[in-house]
Protein backbone atom coordinates (compact mmCIF):
# COMPACT_ATOMS: atom_id res chain seq x y z
CA MET A 1 90.28 124.12 -57.94
CA GLN A 2 90.26 122.53 -54.65
CA VAL A 3 87.82 119.28 -54.37
CA GLN A 4 86.23 118.89 -51.33
CA SER A 5 84.89 116.26 -50.08
CA PRO A 6 81.62 115.83 -47.54
CA LEU A 7 81.84 116.23 -44.08
CA PRO A 8 81.41 112.24 -42.56
CA ALA A 9 78.99 111.87 -39.85
CA THR A 10 81.03 110.05 -37.07
CA LEU A 11 84.50 110.51 -35.47
CA ALA A 12 85.04 106.66 -36.72
CA GLU A 13 84.11 107.77 -40.40
CA LEU A 14 86.19 110.76 -40.33
CA PHE A 15 89.23 109.04 -39.03
CA SER A 16 88.61 105.87 -41.37
CA ALA A 17 88.56 108.36 -44.51
CA HIS A 18 91.59 110.55 -43.99
CA SER A 19 93.78 108.54 -41.77
CA GLY A 20 95.48 106.44 -44.48
CA ARG A 21 94.94 103.41 -42.87
CA GLN A 22 91.45 102.46 -44.10
CA GLY A 23 90.81 103.74 -40.32
CA MET A 24 91.01 101.14 -37.06
CA GLY A 25 88.97 99.06 -38.53
CA ALA A 26 92.06 97.21 -40.14
CA PRO A 27 94.86 99.69 -38.43
CA ARG A 28 98.70 98.42 -39.97
CA LEU A 29 100.94 99.79 -37.38
CA SER A 30 104.19 100.30 -38.01
CA ALA A 31 107.26 98.00 -36.59
CA SER A 32 108.22 100.85 -33.96
CA GLU A 33 104.42 101.56 -33.14
CA GLN A 34 104.17 97.52 -32.52
CA ASP A 35 107.79 97.25 -30.65
CA LYS A 36 106.21 100.46 -28.16
CA LEU A 37 102.75 98.40 -27.20
CA ARG A 38 104.63 94.95 -26.64
CA ALA A 39 106.81 96.94 -24.04
CA VAL A 40 103.56 98.04 -22.75
CA PHE A 41 101.68 94.79 -22.40
CA LYS A 42 105.13 92.55 -22.09
CA GLY A 43 104.85 90.17 -18.59
CA LYS A 44 101.30 91.67 -17.96
CA GLN A 45 98.95 90.04 -20.15
CA PRO A 46 99.05 85.93 -20.99
CA PHE A 47 97.67 85.81 -24.66
CA ALA A 48 99.94 87.07 -27.95
CA PHE A 49 100.63 90.43 -28.96
CA ALA A 50 98.53 89.75 -32.11
CA ASP A 51 95.82 88.82 -30.14
CA VAL A 52 96.17 92.43 -28.14
CA GLU A 53 96.29 94.42 -31.66
CA GLN A 54 93.27 92.23 -32.91
CA GLY A 55 91.03 93.28 -29.71
CA VAL A 56 92.26 97.00 -30.28
CA ARG A 57 91.06 96.69 -33.67
CA ASP A 58 87.61 95.12 -32.41
CA ALA A 59 86.94 98.13 -30.19
CA TYR A 60 87.73 100.92 -32.10
CA ARG A 61 84.97 101.20 -34.17
CA GLY A 62 82.21 101.31 -31.33
CA ALA A 63 84.17 103.43 -28.79
CA LEU A 64 84.62 106.21 -31.79
CA ASP A 65 80.86 105.88 -32.93
CA VAL A 66 80.20 109.80 -31.65
CA ASN A 67 78.05 111.85 -34.21
CA LEU A 68 80.59 114.72 -34.89
CA MET A 69 77.57 117.58 -34.45
CA ASP A 70 77.19 116.00 -30.72
CA ILE A 71 80.69 117.32 -30.54
CA PHE A 72 79.95 120.79 -32.62
CA LEU A 73 76.67 121.78 -31.41
CA PRO A 74 77.91 121.94 -27.24
CA ALA A 75 81.16 124.02 -28.70
CA TRP A 76 78.91 126.39 -30.37
CA ALA A 77 76.30 126.76 -27.73
CA LYS A 78 79.03 127.91 -25.43
CA VAL A 79 79.95 131.17 -27.43
CA SER A 80 78.19 133.73 -25.29
CA ALA A 81 76.75 135.59 -28.41
CA ILE A 82 74.80 132.01 -29.26
CA ALA A 83 73.78 131.28 -25.92
CA ALA A 84 72.37 134.65 -25.13
CA PHE A 85 69.30 133.21 -27.71
CA ALA A 86 67.91 131.53 -25.23
CA ASN A 87 66.79 134.34 -23.18
CA ALA A 88 63.16 134.44 -24.53
CA ASN A 89 62.64 138.03 -23.43
CA GLU A 90 65.09 139.48 -25.60
CA TYR A 91 64.14 137.11 -28.49
CA PRO A 92 60.74 136.16 -28.61
CA SER A 93 59.84 132.26 -29.41
CA ASP A 94 57.82 133.88 -32.72
CA GLU A 95 61.16 134.97 -33.83
CA ARG A 96 63.81 132.88 -36.12
CA HIS A 97 67.04 133.94 -36.41
CA TYR A 98 70.36 133.03 -38.65
CA VAL A 99 73.64 133.76 -36.46
CA PRO A 100 76.93 133.13 -38.77
CA LEU A 101 79.70 131.65 -37.24
CA ARG A 102 82.41 132.76 -39.80
CA GLU A 103 85.66 131.65 -38.68
CA HIS A 104 85.32 129.40 -35.90
CA ARG A 105 87.60 126.45 -34.24
CA VAL A 106 86.29 123.61 -32.19
CA THR A 107 88.70 121.32 -30.09
CA SER A 108 87.64 118.16 -28.78
CA SER A 109 89.63 115.63 -26.32
CA HIS A 110 88.38 112.59 -24.68
CA GLU A 111 89.38 109.13 -23.34
CA PRO A 112 86.95 106.38 -23.64
CA ARG A 113 87.61 103.04 -22.40
CA VAL A 114 87.24 100.17 -24.62
CA GLU A 115 86.91 96.41 -23.41
CA VAL A 116 88.95 94.19 -25.15
CA LEU A 117 87.73 90.83 -25.96
CA ILE A 118 89.52 87.76 -27.27
CA ASP A 119 87.65 84.59 -28.31
CA GLY A 120 84.27 86.39 -26.56
CA VAL A 121 86.31 87.11 -23.31
CA GLU A 122 86.79 90.39 -21.85
CA VAL A 123 90.54 90.00 -20.86
CA PHE A 124 91.11 94.35 -20.06
CA SER A 125 90.47 97.73 -20.90
CA LEU A 126 92.27 100.19 -22.74
CA GLY A 127 92.09 103.50 -22.94
CA LEU A 128 92.06 105.70 -25.89
CA GLU A 129 93.45 109.37 -26.24
CA VAL A 130 91.49 111.42 -29.15
CA LYS A 131 91.82 114.54 -29.93
CA LEU A 132 90.43 116.36 -32.93
CA GLN A 133 90.21 119.95 -33.61
CA VAL A 134 88.09 121.38 -36.64
CA ASP A 135 87.92 125.11 -38.48
CA PHE A 136 85.26 126.59 -39.93
CA GLU A 137 84.27 128.75 -42.36
CA ALA A 138 81.20 130.51 -43.06
CA ALA A 139 78.69 128.21 -41.24
CA ALA A 140 74.97 129.52 -39.95
CA LEU A 141 73.23 128.52 -37.19
CA GLU A 142 69.14 128.74 -37.14
CA ILE A 143 68.00 129.62 -33.71
CA ALA A 144 64.55 129.77 -33.02
CA GLU A 145 62.41 129.36 -29.42
CA GLY A 146 65.98 129.48 -27.99
CA ARG A 147 67.04 126.07 -29.69
CA ILE A 148 69.68 125.76 -33.12
CA CYS A 149 66.84 124.42 -35.58
CA ALA A 150 69.46 123.84 -38.44
CA VAL A 151 73.20 124.47 -39.24
CA LYS A 152 73.58 125.97 -42.87
CA SER A 153 76.80 124.75 -45.20
CA ALA A 154 79.92 125.53 -44.21
CA SER A 155 83.23 124.30 -45.11
CA CYS A 156 86.02 123.09 -42.51
CA ARG A 157 89.30 121.62 -42.11
CA ALA A 158 90.43 118.75 -39.33
CA LEU A 159 93.51 117.76 -37.45
CA GLY A 160 93.40 114.79 -35.34
CA SER A 161 94.91 112.00 -33.70
CA ILE A 162 94.20 108.74 -31.67
CA ALA A 163 96.89 107.09 -29.30
CA CYS A 164 96.30 103.57 -27.31
CA GLN A 165 98.68 103.99 -24.06
CA GLY A 166 100.33 106.52 -25.25
CA VAL A 167 101.38 105.08 -28.86
CA ASN A 168 99.96 106.85 -32.03
CA ILE A 169 97.73 104.60 -33.91
CA ALA A 170 96.13 107.14 -36.30
CA SER A 171 96.07 111.08 -37.68
CA ILE A 172 94.56 113.01 -39.90
CA LYS A 173 94.82 116.17 -41.49
CA THR A 174 91.89 116.54 -44.04
CA GLY A 175 91.67 119.12 -46.65
CA ASN A 176 88.53 121.19 -47.06
CA MET A 177 85.32 118.95 -46.14
CA THR A 178 81.72 120.31 -46.84
CA LEU A 179 78.77 120.14 -45.02
CA PRO A 180 75.44 119.53 -46.69
CA GLY A 181 73.42 122.13 -47.82
CA GLU A 182 71.51 122.18 -44.51
CA ILE A 183 71.27 120.06 -41.69
CA LYS A 184 68.48 119.93 -39.82
CA LEU A 185 68.31 119.22 -36.16
CA LYS A 186 65.24 116.49 -35.10
CA PRO A 187 65.11 117.36 -32.33
CA PRO A 188 66.36 120.93 -32.03
CA PHE A 189 69.30 121.51 -29.64
CA SER A 190 68.26 123.30 -26.69
CA LEU A 191 70.61 126.29 -25.43
CA SER A 192 68.99 126.19 -22.10
CA PRO A 193 71.13 124.24 -20.42
CA PHE A 194 74.36 126.44 -21.31
CA ALA A 195 72.99 129.54 -20.60
CA ALA A 196 71.88 128.57 -17.48
CA GLY A 197 75.50 127.23 -16.42
CA GLU A 198 76.75 130.75 -17.41
CA ASP A 199 74.42 132.73 -15.51
CA GLU A 200 74.61 130.44 -12.14
CA GLY A 201 78.29 129.98 -12.49
CA GLY A 202 81.11 132.20 -11.42
CA LEU A 203 84.75 132.43 -12.23
CA THR A 204 88.19 131.81 -9.82
CA LEU A 205 91.44 134.02 -10.76
CA SER A 206 94.42 132.35 -9.19
CA GLY A 207 98.06 133.13 -9.69
CA PHE A 208 100.79 134.94 -7.68
CA ASP A 209 102.19 138.96 -7.07
CA GLU A 210 105.45 140.04 -7.49
CA ALA A 211 106.34 138.71 -3.98
CA GLY A 212 105.58 135.72 -4.68
CA ARG A 213 102.49 135.38 -2.40
CA LEU A 214 98.95 133.38 -3.57
CA LEU A 215 96.02 135.71 -5.34
CA LYS A 216 93.05 134.27 -5.20
CA PHE A 217 89.83 135.84 -6.11
CA ARG A 218 86.68 134.29 -6.36
CA LEU A 219 83.73 136.47 -8.76
CA GLN A 220 80.37 134.81 -8.04
CA PRO A 221 77.15 136.90 -9.06
CA THR A 222 74.50 136.78 -6.63
CA PRO A 223 72.02 134.34 -7.39
CA GLY A 224 69.17 135.35 -9.50
CA ALA A 225 71.58 138.77 -10.21
CA LYS A 226 70.90 139.97 -13.50
CA GLU A 227 74.35 141.97 -13.84
CA ALA A 228 77.54 142.35 -11.68
CA THR A 229 81.12 144.21 -11.88
CA TRP A 230 84.16 143.78 -10.36
CA LEU A 231 87.29 145.98 -10.69
CA ILE A 232 90.86 144.58 -10.74
CA GLY A 233 93.22 146.93 -9.70
CA ARG A 234 96.25 147.58 -7.35
CA ARG A 235 94.81 150.53 -5.07
CA GLN A 236 93.53 149.06 -1.69
CA GLY A 237 90.02 150.05 -0.70
CA ARG A 238 89.07 150.94 -4.52
CA ALA A 239 89.62 147.57 -6.16
CA ASP A 240 87.94 144.55 -5.68
CA CYS A 241 90.47 142.47 -6.67
CA VAL A 242 93.75 144.17 -5.24
CA ILE A 243 96.55 142.77 -6.98
CA PRO A 244 100.22 144.18 -5.13
CA ASP A 245 102.51 144.20 -8.21
CA LYS A 246 103.88 147.65 -9.99
CA ALA A 247 102.83 146.81 -13.03
CA VAL A 248 99.11 146.69 -12.68
CA SER A 249 97.55 149.91 -12.53
CA ALA A 250 95.57 151.38 -9.85
CA GLU A 251 92.63 150.47 -11.85
CA HIS A 252 93.80 148.20 -14.46
CA ALA A 253 90.49 146.11 -15.58
CA ARG A 254 87.04 145.39 -14.96
CA ILE A 255 85.20 142.06 -15.12
CA ARG A 256 80.95 142.29 -15.89
CA PHE A 257 78.46 139.67 -15.37
CA SER A 258 75.27 140.11 -17.16
CA ARG A 259 72.37 137.33 -17.75
CA GLY A 260 72.64 136.22 -21.05
CA ARG A 261 76.04 136.96 -22.18
CA GLY A 262 78.29 135.71 -19.07
CA MET A 263 81.18 136.53 -17.64
CA GLU A 264 83.23 139.51 -19.75
CA ILE A 265 86.59 141.33 -19.17
CA CYS A 266 87.47 145.11 -20.70
CA ASP A 267 90.96 147.19 -20.13
CA LEU A 268 90.60 150.67 -18.38
CA ASP A 269 93.28 152.27 -20.39
CA SER A 270 96.02 150.88 -18.13
CA SER A 271 99.96 150.94 -18.15
CA ASN A 272 100.47 147.63 -19.42
CA GLY A 273 97.79 146.15 -21.01
CA THR A 274 95.32 143.20 -20.14
CA ARG A 275 95.67 140.13 -22.54
CA VAL A 276 93.49 137.24 -22.63
CA ASP A 277 94.63 133.85 -23.74
CA GLY A 278 97.51 136.10 -25.62
CA LYS A 279 95.15 138.28 -27.06
CA LEU A 280 95.23 142.07 -26.01
CA VAL A 281 91.99 143.50 -24.44
CA ASP A 282 91.04 147.08 -24.85
CA ARG A 283 87.85 148.94 -23.54
CA SER A 284 85.51 146.91 -25.31
CA TYR A 285 84.31 144.02 -23.34
CA MET A 286 85.71 140.27 -24.62
CA SER A 287 84.08 137.49 -23.69
CA LEU A 288 85.69 135.00 -20.74
CA ALA A 289 83.47 131.71 -21.59
CA ASN A 290 86.35 129.88 -22.98
CA ALA A 291 89.79 131.82 -21.25
CA ARG A 292 91.88 129.88 -19.26
CA LYS A 293 94.64 132.63 -18.76
CA ILE A 294 94.07 136.30 -18.00
CA VAL A 295 97.33 138.86 -17.96
CA PHE A 296 97.00 142.13 -16.02
CA GLY A 297 100.13 143.56 -17.06
CA ILE A 298 102.85 140.82 -16.33
CA CYS A 299 100.81 139.22 -13.46
CA GLU A 300 99.38 135.87 -15.00
CA MET A 301 96.25 134.76 -13.49
CA GLN A 302 94.85 131.22 -14.35
CA VAL A 303 90.90 131.01 -14.75
CA SER A 304 88.83 128.37 -13.68
CA ARG A 305 84.80 127.64 -13.21
CA ASP A 306 82.49 125.52 -11.38
């Protein structure tokens, strides 16, 4: 039977528990890592490298005093099926819903800057590169009145790394961790900002046709619109977004917007298919909430948002 450990509350505690270096509270850099940091600061600072290393240690914990739920909740709220619960017309305030996440991945990447003090004097600032990936299984959210009220028990695994000036300081690869049976959120986490952002924002698709000409399509719903659709294809005069490429069908795919669900895409039985971030799209609509790339036939289009 595999032993499971509890999920720590903060990023700092997560790395402290699983990095094998007692966290960054007392990091033990290897000789090669120390050499790399020395090279970064050589000739730039009038103090010993030992002071630099100690300054990084001291600054770390404050920079990563980030509640893990503050990372997970915004990521979950961006999932269109969850953001839809912000719609009070479809989900009245007196109803309570339990939404399973099943298998779900949360990724986080940020670069906090820390002020390094030596003998109580601020001497310089450093950028930390923090990357985290957490895979959840069997989590569930309790939602009422357009807000996430609680997170039900779940298990998860995490991969992460912390670098300073391009030098790896700590990395983790955890075993299974568990959340408590239920985490009550006080105050509850509102879904409204995420639903509003999805409703008001549009998408821009950009790429090149087979002749190397730039293609750029702006898909923006009319302000206040409840829904909108765009046809993507090769046929001039019919498609809203015309892609002059032989691998693109005359009527290749359709993107739609609906309030509460955001942008979604479906394939129209095209000859060469449609893929979103490598995943094949069929006649059923697929969310574009987190999409980065759409391929129509062999025409690659990058996705950007407001």
